[in-house]
Every structure is written in C-alpha cells, then in structure tokens.
Amino acid sequence: MNFKNAFVTHKRFGSGTVQSLDGKALTICFQQYGARTFRFPDIFQTELKTEDPVFARYVAEALLVKE
C-alpha cells in the first residue's frame, strides 16, 4: 500500500509526512528536522501516531501480527 504523504506526529520531532514505507523501514520528513527513518511498526508503540484512518488501521494490523 502507498501511504506517502500520510500525516504523523512524533513525540520529539512533531508533525511530519510519510515519505516511504519499505518493509520495516518507515521514512518520515519533518519540517524542522528533515527526513528520519524508523523501524516499522515498532515506532508506533511509543513515539509515533497517525490520524489517517486507513494508515492507522494498517499500523494496528501490523502491530497485531508482530505480537
């Protein structure tokens, strides 16, 4: 699935947009901090959230599979 430009919020870096999701690598572009890459879906357990309902459902399913 393509989630490019989905909005996310990071506890430290603030608001950003998804640039790519490649397997377990999630790259997000933050206005003040530039692009950062995180381990997907792990980062959503502690530091990151999304308001995009489709992306949120995808994240939730990925976290369930991980358990």
Protein backbone atom coordinates (compact mmCIF):
# COMPACT_ATOMS: atom_id res chain seq x y z
CA MET A 1 0.00 0.00 0.00
CA ASN A 2 1.09 3.55 -0.62
CA PHE A 3 0.96 5.79 2.43
CA LYS A 4 3.16 8.54 1.03
CA ASN A 5 2.19 11.94 2.45
CA ALA A 6 0.16 10.45 5.33
CA PHE A 7 0.41 12.77 8.32
CA VAL A 8 2.04 11.55 11.52
CA THR A 9 3.07 13.09 14.83
CA HIS A 10 6.26 12.16 16.66
CA LYS A 11 6.73 12.92 20.37
CA ARG A 12 10.09 14.64 19.79
CA PHE A 13 10.11 15.77 16.15
CA GLY A 14 6.48 16.93 15.88
CA SER A 15 4.39 16.73 12.72
CA GLY A 16 5.66 15.07 9.58
CA THR A 17 4.65 13.24 6.44
CA VAL A 18 5.43 9.70 5.38
CA GLN A 19 7.92 9.62 2.53
CA SER A 20 8.22 5.85 2.19
CA LEU A 21 7.41 2.57 3.86
CA ASP A 22 9.69 -0.22 2.71
CA GLY A 23 9.23 -3.38 4.73
CA LYS A 24 10.33 -2.45 8.22
CA ALA A 25 11.79 0.96 7.29
CA LEU A 26 9.47 3.96 7.63
CA THR A 27 10.90 7.28 6.43
CA ILE A 28 9.22 10.48 7.57
CA CYS A 29 10.01 14.05 6.60
CA PHE A 30 9.79 16.57 9.43
CA GLN A 31 9.80 20.27 8.61
CA GLN A 32 12.42 21.24 11.19
CA TYR A 33 14.41 18.00 11.32
CA GLY A 34 14.39 16.67 7.77
CA ALA A 35 13.97 13.00 6.89
CA ARG A 36 14.25 10.39 9.61
CA THR A 37 13.94 6.62 9.26
CA PHE A 38 12.32 4.45 11.93
CA ARG A 39 11.64 0.75 12.43
CA PHE A 40 8.07 -0.08 11.39
CA PRO A 41 5.72 -0.80 13.11
CA ASP A 42 7.66 -0.62 16.41
CA ILE A 43 7.88 3.19 16.48
CA PHE A 44 4.07 3.40 16.75
CA GLN A 45 4.14 1.64 20.12
CA THR A 46 5.91 4.53 21.84
CA GLU A 47 6.80 7.59 19.78
CA LEU A 48 4.58 8.00 16.74
CA LYS A 49 0.88 8.28 15.95
CA THR A 50 -1.25 8.99 12.91
CA GLU A 51 -4.69 10.50 12.44
CA ASP A 52 -5.07 8.97 8.96
CA PRO A 53 -7.72 6.24 9.48
CA VAL A 54 -6.50 3.94 6.70
CA PHE A 55 -2.86 4.18 7.78
CA ALA A 56 -3.86 3.78 11.45
CA ARG A 57 -5.69 0.54 10.62
CA TYR A 58 -2.64 -0.72 8.68
CA VAL A 59 -0.38 0.10 11.65
CA ALA A 60 -2.73 -1.62 14.11
CA GLU A 61 -2.81 -4.76 11.97
CA ALA A 62 0.99 -4.74 11.62
CA LEU A 63 1.35 -4.46 15.40
CA LEU A 64 -1.05 -7.38 15.94
CA VAL A 65 0.90 -9.57 13.52
CA LYS A 66 4.13 -8.64 15.30
CA GLU A 67 2.78 -9.91 18.63
